[in-house]
Amino acid sequence: MGLQDNHYSEENHGHHEYLDLGDFPLISGEVLLNAKLAYKTLGALSDKKDNAILFPHMWSGTSASMESFVGPGRPLDPDKYFIIFPGQFANGFSSSPSNTKAPQDAGNFPNIMIGDDVIAQHELITKVFGISELQLVTGWSMGAEQTYEWAVRYPSMVKRAVPFAGTAKTTPHDYIFVRSHENAIKSDPAWAEGFYGKATDVHVGLRRHAETWSVMGLCSEFYKQEIWREIGFGSLDEFLVGFWEAYFKPMDPNNLIWMAWKWRHGDVSLNSKNNLDEALGRITAKVTAVAFANDMFFPPSDIVEEVSKIPNAEYRLVESLWAHFTMFCMNEKDKKAIDDIFTEVLST
C-alpha cells in the first residue's frame, strides 16, 4: 500500500466506507489507477431520498473532520437528515500519496483538481445512493471550494449551498500563501522530492509548515490578546508547539502538499472557459456565503466580490479573532454563530 502513517487510521478517524472508482480519468488527462473515494455518513436516507446533505471537508482533514457539526437537536440533525462526508483525494483515506501503490505512490502521485473530487463525489451520490437532489452542500475552506464546484458543475442537484471561508476561485494572494506552505515542507532535505522513508522523517519541514500556519491561520489581535489562554495554554511557545505543531506533525507531508496544490488551483471558471462571471451565473442554488472576520486566507472582501456575481446569493460575516479557524469552534460563541447560519438556511 505504499507509505502509510498511523495518523490515517480508523482508530483516529472512525470507520469509513469506500467507493471503488477503478481507473479514474482526471481533468488533467492523466488517469488515477485503482482510485477509491472514502466517505462516512450519519443519519438515514429517506424513502423519497429528499433529505441528503453533502459536507466535504477542508484541507488537511478527513471525512470525519466535519462530524462535530452534526447531532440530535442541532441544525444538522441526523434524525432528520442524511449527512454524507466525502473524503477528498490525497486526504489519507481516499486515494492519496500515502496509500497508493507504484507507479503512482508518494512523489509520483498525480496532481488532482477540485473538479476531480466533485466528479467522484457525484458518482457516490448518484450511483451508490441514487440521490438526484441535495438539500444542502456546505464546507469550510477547501470544503467551500468543493461546494462552489458542486453548485457550478451540477446546478440542478444543489438546492442550497453554504460555503464557509472559501472562494470559488483562488485569488493570487491566496495562491502565494498556499505555495509557501508547500515550500516550507519541501525545504526539509528529508522530504527527498516526496520519497522519504516515513512521514516523521520530515519533522523539520512539518514544524516549519506549522509555524507558517501560526502566522496566517490566525490574526495579529488574536496573539495580542493572548486568546490562546482561553483554551488552556500558559505561554505563546506552549501554544505554538501544543496547538500548531501537535496538529500538523502526525500528518503525511505529501498528502498535505498534494491537497495544497489542489487548493491553490481551485477555480470554478474552468467550467466556463475561464469566465468566472459566467460560471457563477450558472448557480441556481440558494447560496449563503459566509466569511470569517480577520481571515487572511479568504478575506471577507474576496467573498463579497464573488457573492455579487451569484444570482440571489446572500453574505454573512462571523466576527471572531479565531479568523480562518473560527470553524474549529474553540468557543461557544463561534459554534452558535455557525449553527445559527445552518438553522436559517435550512428553514428557508
Protein backbone atom coordinates (compact mmCIF):
# COMPACT_ATOMS: atom_id res chain seq x y z
CA MET A 1 0.00 0.00 0.00
CA GLY A 2 2.99 2.33 -0.10
CA LEU A 3 3.78 4.66 2.78
CA GLN A 4 1.05 4.87 5.40
CA ASP A 5 1.22 6.84 8.62
CA ASN A 6 -0.61 5.72 11.75
CA HIS A 7 -2.38 9.07 11.78
CA TYR A 8 -4.61 7.81 8.96
CA SER A 9 -6.26 5.02 10.89
CA GLU A 10 -9.84 4.19 11.78
CA GLU A 11 -8.77 4.27 15.40
CA ASN A 12 -8.16 8.01 14.97
CA HIS A 13 -10.88 8.88 12.45
CA GLY A 14 -13.58 6.25 12.78
CA HIS A 15 -14.92 3.72 10.32
CA HIS A 16 -15.03 4.68 6.63
CA GLU A 17 -16.85 3.24 3.66
CA TYR A 18 -15.13 3.11 0.26
CA LEU A 19 -16.29 3.55 -3.31
CA ASP A 20 -14.04 1.83 -5.84
CA LEU A 21 -13.75 4.14 -8.85
CA GLY A 22 -11.50 1.92 -10.95
CA ASP A 23 -9.05 3.69 -13.24
CA PHE A 24 -10.38 7.21 -12.82
CA PRO A 25 -9.84 9.79 -15.61
CA LEU A 26 -8.60 13.11 -14.24
CA ILE A 27 -9.24 16.60 -15.57
CA SER A 28 -5.51 16.85 -16.34
CA GLY A 29 -5.77 13.98 -18.82
CA GLU A 30 -3.95 11.57 -16.51
CA VAL A 31 -5.63 8.52 -15.01
CA LEU A 32 -5.65 7.76 -11.29
CA LEU A 33 -5.19 3.98 -11.13
CA ASN A 34 -7.44 1.88 -8.90
CA ALA A 35 -8.92 5.04 -7.40
CA LYS A 36 -11.02 4.95 -4.27
CA LEU A 37 -13.19 7.50 -2.50
CA ALA A 38 -13.53 7.20 1.27
CA TYR A 39 -16.67 8.52 2.92
CA LYS A 40 -18.75 8.47 6.09
CA THR A 41 -22.45 9.02 6.71
CA LEU A 42 -24.69 9.94 9.62
CA GLY A 43 -28.45 9.55 9.72
CA ALA A 44 -30.68 7.61 7.33
CA LEU A 45 -31.67 8.37 3.76
CA SER A 46 -35.43 8.87 3.50
CA ASP A 47 -37.58 6.72 1.24
CA LYS A 48 -38.00 9.70 -1.10
CA LYS A 49 -34.25 10.38 -0.95
CA ASP A 50 -35.02 14.03 -0.25
CA ASN A 51 -33.10 14.64 2.99
CA ALA A 52 -29.46 14.43 1.89
CA ILE A 53 -26.74 16.91 2.87
CA LEU A 54 -23.21 16.80 1.48
CA PHE A 55 -20.43 18.09 3.73
CA PRO A 56 -16.96 17.87 2.09
CA HIS A 57 -14.01 18.62 4.33
CA MET A 58 -11.20 21.14 4.44
CA TRP A 59 -7.52 20.87 3.52
CA SER A 60 -5.62 18.62 5.96
CA GLY A 61 -8.87 17.00 7.11
CA THR A 62 -10.61 13.68 6.58
CA SER A 63 -14.20 12.53 6.18
CA ALA A 64 -14.51 12.70 9.97
CA SER A 65 -13.47 16.34 10.28
CA MET A 66 -16.90 17.91 9.98
CA GLU A 67 -18.83 15.38 12.08
CA SER A 68 -18.75 17.69 15.10
CA PHE A 69 -21.39 19.91 13.43
CA VAL A 70 -23.92 17.07 13.44
CA GLY A 71 -26.03 15.98 16.40
CA PRO A 72 -29.56 15.48 17.72
CA GLY A 73 -31.22 18.82 18.29
CA ARG A 74 -28.59 20.61 16.19
CA PRO A 75 -29.48 22.15 12.81
CA LEU A 76 -27.71 19.24 11.09
CA ASP A 77 -29.77 16.64 12.93
CA PRO A 78 -29.12 13.02 11.92
CA ASP A 79 -32.66 12.16 13.00
CA LYS A 80 -33.86 14.43 10.18
CA TYR A 81 -31.09 14.50 7.59
CA PHE A 82 -28.79 12.02 5.88
CA ILE A 83 -25.38 13.68 6.02
CA ILE A 84 -22.62 12.46 3.73
CA PHE A 85 -18.97 13.27 4.46
CA PRO A 86 -16.89 12.57 1.33
CA GLY A 87 -13.13 12.37 1.60
CA GLN A 88 -11.23 14.36 -0.98
CA PHE A 89 -8.36 12.77 -2.85
CA ALA A 90 -4.99 12.99 -1.01
CA ASN A 91 -6.62 13.07 2.43
CA GLY A 92 -5.01 9.82 3.59
CA PHE A 93 -8.11 7.62 3.25
CA SER A 94 -9.25 8.27 -0.31
CA SER A 95 -6.54 7.64 -2.92
CA SER A 96 -3.51 9.58 -1.67
CA PRO A 97 0.26 9.72 -1.99
CA SER A 98 0.47 7.89 1.35
CA ASN A 99 -1.66 4.88 0.39
CA THR A 100 -1.28 4.40 -3.38
CA LYS A 101 0.87 1.69 -4.92
CA ALA A 102 3.56 2.21 -7.53
CA PRO A 103 3.72 3.63 -10.13
CA GLN A 104 1.67 6.45 -8.52
CA ASP A 105 3.00 6.19 -4.98
CA ALA A 106 4.47 9.02 -2.89
CA GLY A 107 6.05 11.73 -5.08
CA ASN A 108 4.66 10.09 -8.23
CA PHE A 109 1.04 10.76 -7.27
CA PRO A 110 -0.73 12.78 -9.99
CA ASN A 111 -1.99 16.31 -9.41
CA ILE A 112 -5.71 16.37 -8.63
CA MET A 113 -8.19 19.19 -9.22
CA ILE A 114 -11.21 20.21 -7.14
CA GLY A 115 -13.33 19.12 -10.09
CA ASP A 116 -11.90 15.59 -9.83
CA ASP A 117 -13.07 15.38 -6.22
CA VAL A 118 -16.54 16.59 -7.14
CA ILE A 119 -16.90 14.23 -10.11
CA ALA A 120 -16.01 11.32 -7.80
CA GLN A 121 -18.48 12.58 -5.20
CA HIS A 122 -21.15 12.80 -7.89
CA GLU A 123 -20.61 9.10 -8.61
CA LEU A 124 -21.10 8.37 -4.93
CA ILE A 125 -24.25 10.47 -4.66
CA THR A 126 -25.92 9.19 -7.82
CA LYS A 127 -24.70 5.62 -8.25
CA VAL A 128 -24.39 4.45 -4.65
CA PHE A 129 -27.27 6.38 -3.05
CA GLY A 130 -29.47 7.20 -6.06
CA ILE A 131 -29.85 10.82 -4.92
CA SER A 132 -30.92 13.38 -7.51
CA GLU A 133 -31.13 16.48 -5.28
CA LEU A 134 -29.06 17.60 -2.32
CA GLN A 135 -30.86 19.74 0.24
CA LEU A 136 -27.57 21.38 1.17
CA VAL A 137 -23.94 21.32 0.14
CA THR A 138 -21.65 23.02 2.64
CA GLY A 139 -18.00 23.11 3.58
CA TRP A 140 -15.21 25.17 5.08
CA SER A 141 -12.11 26.44 3.24
CA MET A 142 -11.32 23.72 0.66
CA GLY A 143 -14.74 22.35 1.53
CA ALA A 144 -16.10 25.70 0.34
CA GLU A 145 -14.17 25.32 -2.92
CA GLN A 146 -15.85 21.94 -3.39
CA THR A 147 -19.23 23.49 -2.50
CA TYR A 148 -18.87 26.09 -5.25
CA GLU A 149 -17.69 23.44 -7.71
CA TRP A 150 -20.82 21.40 -6.97
CA ALA A 151 -23.10 24.41 -7.43
CA VAL A 152 -21.49 25.28 -10.79
CA ARG A 153 -20.88 21.79 -12.19
CA TYR A 154 -24.20 20.22 -11.11
CA PRO A 155 -26.54 23.19 -10.56
CA SER A 156 -29.79 21.22 -10.79
CA MET A 157 -28.70 18.92 -7.95
CA VAL A 158 -27.86 21.58 -5.35
CA LYS A 159 -30.80 23.22 -3.59
CA ARG A 160 -28.82 25.24 -1.02
CA ALA A 161 -25.12 25.99 -0.75
CA VAL A 162 -23.26 27.38 2.26
CA PRO A 163 -19.54 27.88 1.61
CA PHE A 164 -17.71 28.92 4.78
CA ALA A 165 -14.49 30.95 4.48
CA GLY A 166 -13.65 29.98 0.93
CA THR A 167 -13.83 31.26 -2.62
CA ALA A 168 -14.94 29.86 -5.96
CA LYS A 169 -11.61 30.86 -7.49
CA THR A 170 -8.37 31.01 -5.54
CA THR A 171 -7.03 34.55 -5.54
CA PRO A 172 -3.40 35.31 -6.49
CA HIS A 173 -2.68 36.32 -2.89
CA ASP A 174 -4.08 33.06 -1.53
CA TYR A 175 -2.17 31.12 -4.19
CA ILE A 176 1.11 32.57 -2.87
CA PHE A 177 0.16 31.82 0.74
CA VAL A 178 -0.59 28.20 -0.05
CA ARG A 179 2.53 27.66 -2.14
CA SER A 180 4.63 28.98 0.75
CA HIS A 181 3.14 26.26 2.97
CA GLU A 182 4.07 23.61 0.45
CA ASN A 183 7.59 25.01 0.19
CA ALA A 184 8.03 25.03 3.96
CA ILE A 185 7.65 21.25 3.94
CA LYS A 186 9.76 20.81 0.82
CA SER A 187 12.58 22.86 2.36
CA ASP A 188 13.41 19.89 4.59
CA PRO A 189 16.08 17.80 2.76
CA ALA A 190 14.43 14.73 4.26
CA TRP A 191 11.39 15.35 2.02
CA ALA A 192 13.56 13.92 -0.79
CA GLU A 193 11.23 15.05 -3.61
CA GLY A 194 8.41 13.13 -1.96
CA PHE A 195 10.27 9.84 -1.50
CA TYR A 196 11.03 9.89 2.23
CA GLY A 197 11.03 6.69 4.26
CA LYS A 198 8.32 7.70 6.71
CA ALA A 199 6.36 10.85 7.46
CA THR A 200 8.23 11.55 10.70
CA ASP A 201 11.49 11.84 8.75
CA VAL A 202 10.21 15.22 7.54
CA HIS A 203 9.61 16.63 11.02
CA VAL A 204 11.70 19.76 10.37
CA GLY A 205 9.63 20.64 7.32
CA LEU A 206 6.39 19.93 9.14
CA ARG A 207 7.43 22.23 12.02
CA ARG A 208 8.34 25.00 9.56
CA HIS A 209 4.97 24.47 7.93
CA ALA A 210 3.21 24.71 11.29
CA GLU A 211 4.99 27.99 12.02
CA THR A 212 3.80 29.46 8.71
CA TRP A 213 0.26 28.45 9.56
CA SER A 214 0.54 30.00 13.01
CA VAL A 215 1.08 33.37 11.32
CA MET A 216 -1.51 33.16 8.55
CA GLY A 217 -4.19 30.98 10.12
CA LEU A 218 -4.96 33.44 12.90
CA CYS A 219 -4.55 37.22 13.19
CA SER A 220 -2.43 39.79 14.98
CA GLU A 221 -5.12 40.69 17.52
CA PHE A 222 -5.51 37.02 18.49
CA TYR A 223 -1.91 37.00 19.67
CA LYS A 224 -2.01 40.49 21.19
CA GLN A 225 -4.97 39.49 23.37
CA GLU A 226 -3.42 36.08 24.14
CA ILE A 227 -6.62 34.30 23.19
CA TRP A 228 -4.71 31.02 23.37
CA ARG A 229 -5.05 31.27 27.17
CA GLU A 230 -8.80 30.64 26.77
CA ILE A 231 -8.09 27.09 25.62
CA GLY A 232 -5.61 26.27 28.36
CA PHE A 233 -2.16 27.28 27.09
CA GLY A 234 0.11 29.10 29.52
CA SER A 235 2.53 30.74 27.09
CA LEU A 236 2.91 31.61 23.43
CA ASP A 237 5.57 28.96 22.88
CA GLU A 238 3.38 26.36 24.53
CA PHE A 239 0.56 27.28 22.15
CA LEU A 240 2.80 27.13 19.07
CA VAL A 241 4.00 23.65 19.99
CA GLY A 242 0.90 22.26 21.65
CA PHE A 243 -1.62 23.56 19.12
CA TRP A 244 0.04 24.13 15.75
CA GLU A 245 2.85 21.58 15.78
CA ALA A 246 0.70 18.98 17.50
CA TYR A 247 -1.92 19.36 14.77
CA PHE A 248 0.38 19.03 11.75
CA LYS A 249 3.26 16.79 12.86
CA PRO A 250 1.31 13.49 12.70
CA MET A 251 0.24 14.12 9.09
CA ASP A 252 1.81 12.86 5.90
CA PRO A 253 3.84 15.61 4.17
CA ASN A 254 2.91 14.50 0.64
CA ASN A 255 -0.79 14.38 1.47
CA LEU A 256 -0.60 17.99 2.68
CA ILE A 257 1.36 19.10 -0.39
CA TRP A 258 -0.94 17.43 -2.91
CA MET A 259 -4.07 18.78 -1.22
CA ALA A 260 -2.44 22.24 -1.12
CA TRP A 261 -1.66 22.13 -4.86
CA LYS A 262 -5.33 21.36 -5.44
CA TRP A 263 -6.37 24.25 -3.17
CA ARG A 264 -4.30 26.86 -4.95
CA HIS A 265 -5.56 25.72 -8.36
CA GLY A 266 -9.22 25.84 -7.30
CA ASP A 267 -11.19 27.65 -9.99
CA VAL A 268 -14.82 27.12 -11.00
CA SER A 269 -14.28 29.24 -14.11
CA LEU A 270 -12.58 26.19 -15.65
CA ASN A 271 -16.17 25.04 -16.25
CA SER A 272 -16.82 28.04 -18.50
CA LYS A 273 -13.65 28.72 -20.50
CA ASN A 274 -12.11 30.78 -17.66
CA ASN A 275 -15.10 33.13 -17.43
CA LEU A 276 -15.80 33.43 -13.68
CA ASP A 277 -18.88 35.60 -14.13
CA GLU A 278 -20.42 33.04 -16.46
CA ALA A 279 -19.57 30.14 -14.13
CA LEU A 280 -21.06 31.80 -11.05
CA GLY A 281 -24.05 32.88 -13.10
CA ARG A 282 -24.90 29.21 -13.65
CA ILE A 283 -25.65 28.68 -9.98
CA THR A 284 -29.31 28.05 -9.19
CA ALA A 285 -28.83 27.01 -5.56
CA LYS A 286 -29.73 29.42 -2.79
CA VAL A 287 -26.21 30.48 -1.79
CA THR A 288 -25.32 31.88 1.63
CA ALA A 289 -21.61 32.68 1.54
CA VAL A 290 -20.01 33.05 4.97
CA ALA A 291 -16.81 34.96 5.71
CA PHE A 292 -14.84 34.96 8.96
CA ALA A 293 -13.59 38.32 10.18
CA ASN A 294 -9.78 38.67 10.23
CA ASP A 295 -9.32 35.74 7.83
CA MET A 296 -6.10 36.24 5.87
CA PHE A 297 -6.60 33.26 3.54
CA PHE A 298 -10.08 34.26 2.42
CA PRO A 299 -10.63 37.91 3.42
CA PRO A 300 -14.28 38.97 3.62
CA SER A 301 -13.75 41.39 0.73
CA ASP A 302 -12.84 38.49 -1.60
CA ILE A 303 -16.00 36.64 -0.63
CA VAL A 304 -18.19 39.74 -1.04
CA GLU A 305 -16.80 40.27 -4.54
CA GLU A 306 -17.83 36.76 -5.63
CA VAL A 307 -21.24 36.96 -3.95
CA SER A 308 -22.07 39.93 -6.17
CA LYS A 309 -21.74 37.63 -9.20
CA ILE A 310 -24.07 34.86 -7.93
CA PRO A 311 -27.82 35.18 -8.56
CA ASN A 312 -29.79 35.76 -5.34
CA ALA A 313 -26.80 35.00 -3.13
CA GLU A 314 -26.54 36.29 0.42
CA TYR A 315 -23.50 37.14 2.53
CA ARG A 316 -22.88 36.57 6.21
CA LEU A 317 -19.94 37.67 8.37
CA VAL A 318 -18.96 35.86 11.57
CA GLU A 319 -16.93 38.03 13.93
CA SER A 320 -14.14 36.09 15.65
CA LEU A 321 -10.47 36.53 16.48
CA TRP A 322 -10.01 32.87 15.55
CA ALA A 323 -10.00 34.19 11.95
CA HIS A 324 -9.81 31.33 9.42
CA PHE A 325 -10.02 28.82 12.26
CA THR A 326 -13.36 30.09 13.51
CA MET A 327 -14.75 26.82 12.10
CA PHE A 328 -12.82 24.94 14.80
CA CYS A 329 -15.45 26.33 17.21
CA MET A 330 -13.00 26.77 20.06
CA ASN A 331 -15.67 28.69 21.99
CA GLU A 332 -19.45 28.53 22.29
CA LYS A 333 -19.91 31.90 20.57
CA ASP A 334 -18.36 30.66 17.32
CA LYS A 335 -20.25 27.37 17.49
CA LYS A 336 -23.56 29.17 17.97
CA ALA A 337 -22.86 31.59 15.11
CA ILE A 338 -22.30 28.70 12.69
CA ASP A 339 -25.28 26.71 13.97
CA ASP A 340 -27.47 29.80 13.59
CA ILE A 341 -26.49 30.07 9.93
CA PHE A 342 -27.37 26.43 9.31
CA THR A 343 -30.72 26.93 11.10
CA GLU A 344 -31.52 29.97 8.99
CA VAL A 345 -30.57 28.34 5.70
CA LEU A 346 -32.39 25.06 6.30
CA SER A 347 -35.56 26.84 7.40
CA THR A 348 -35.77 28.70 4.07
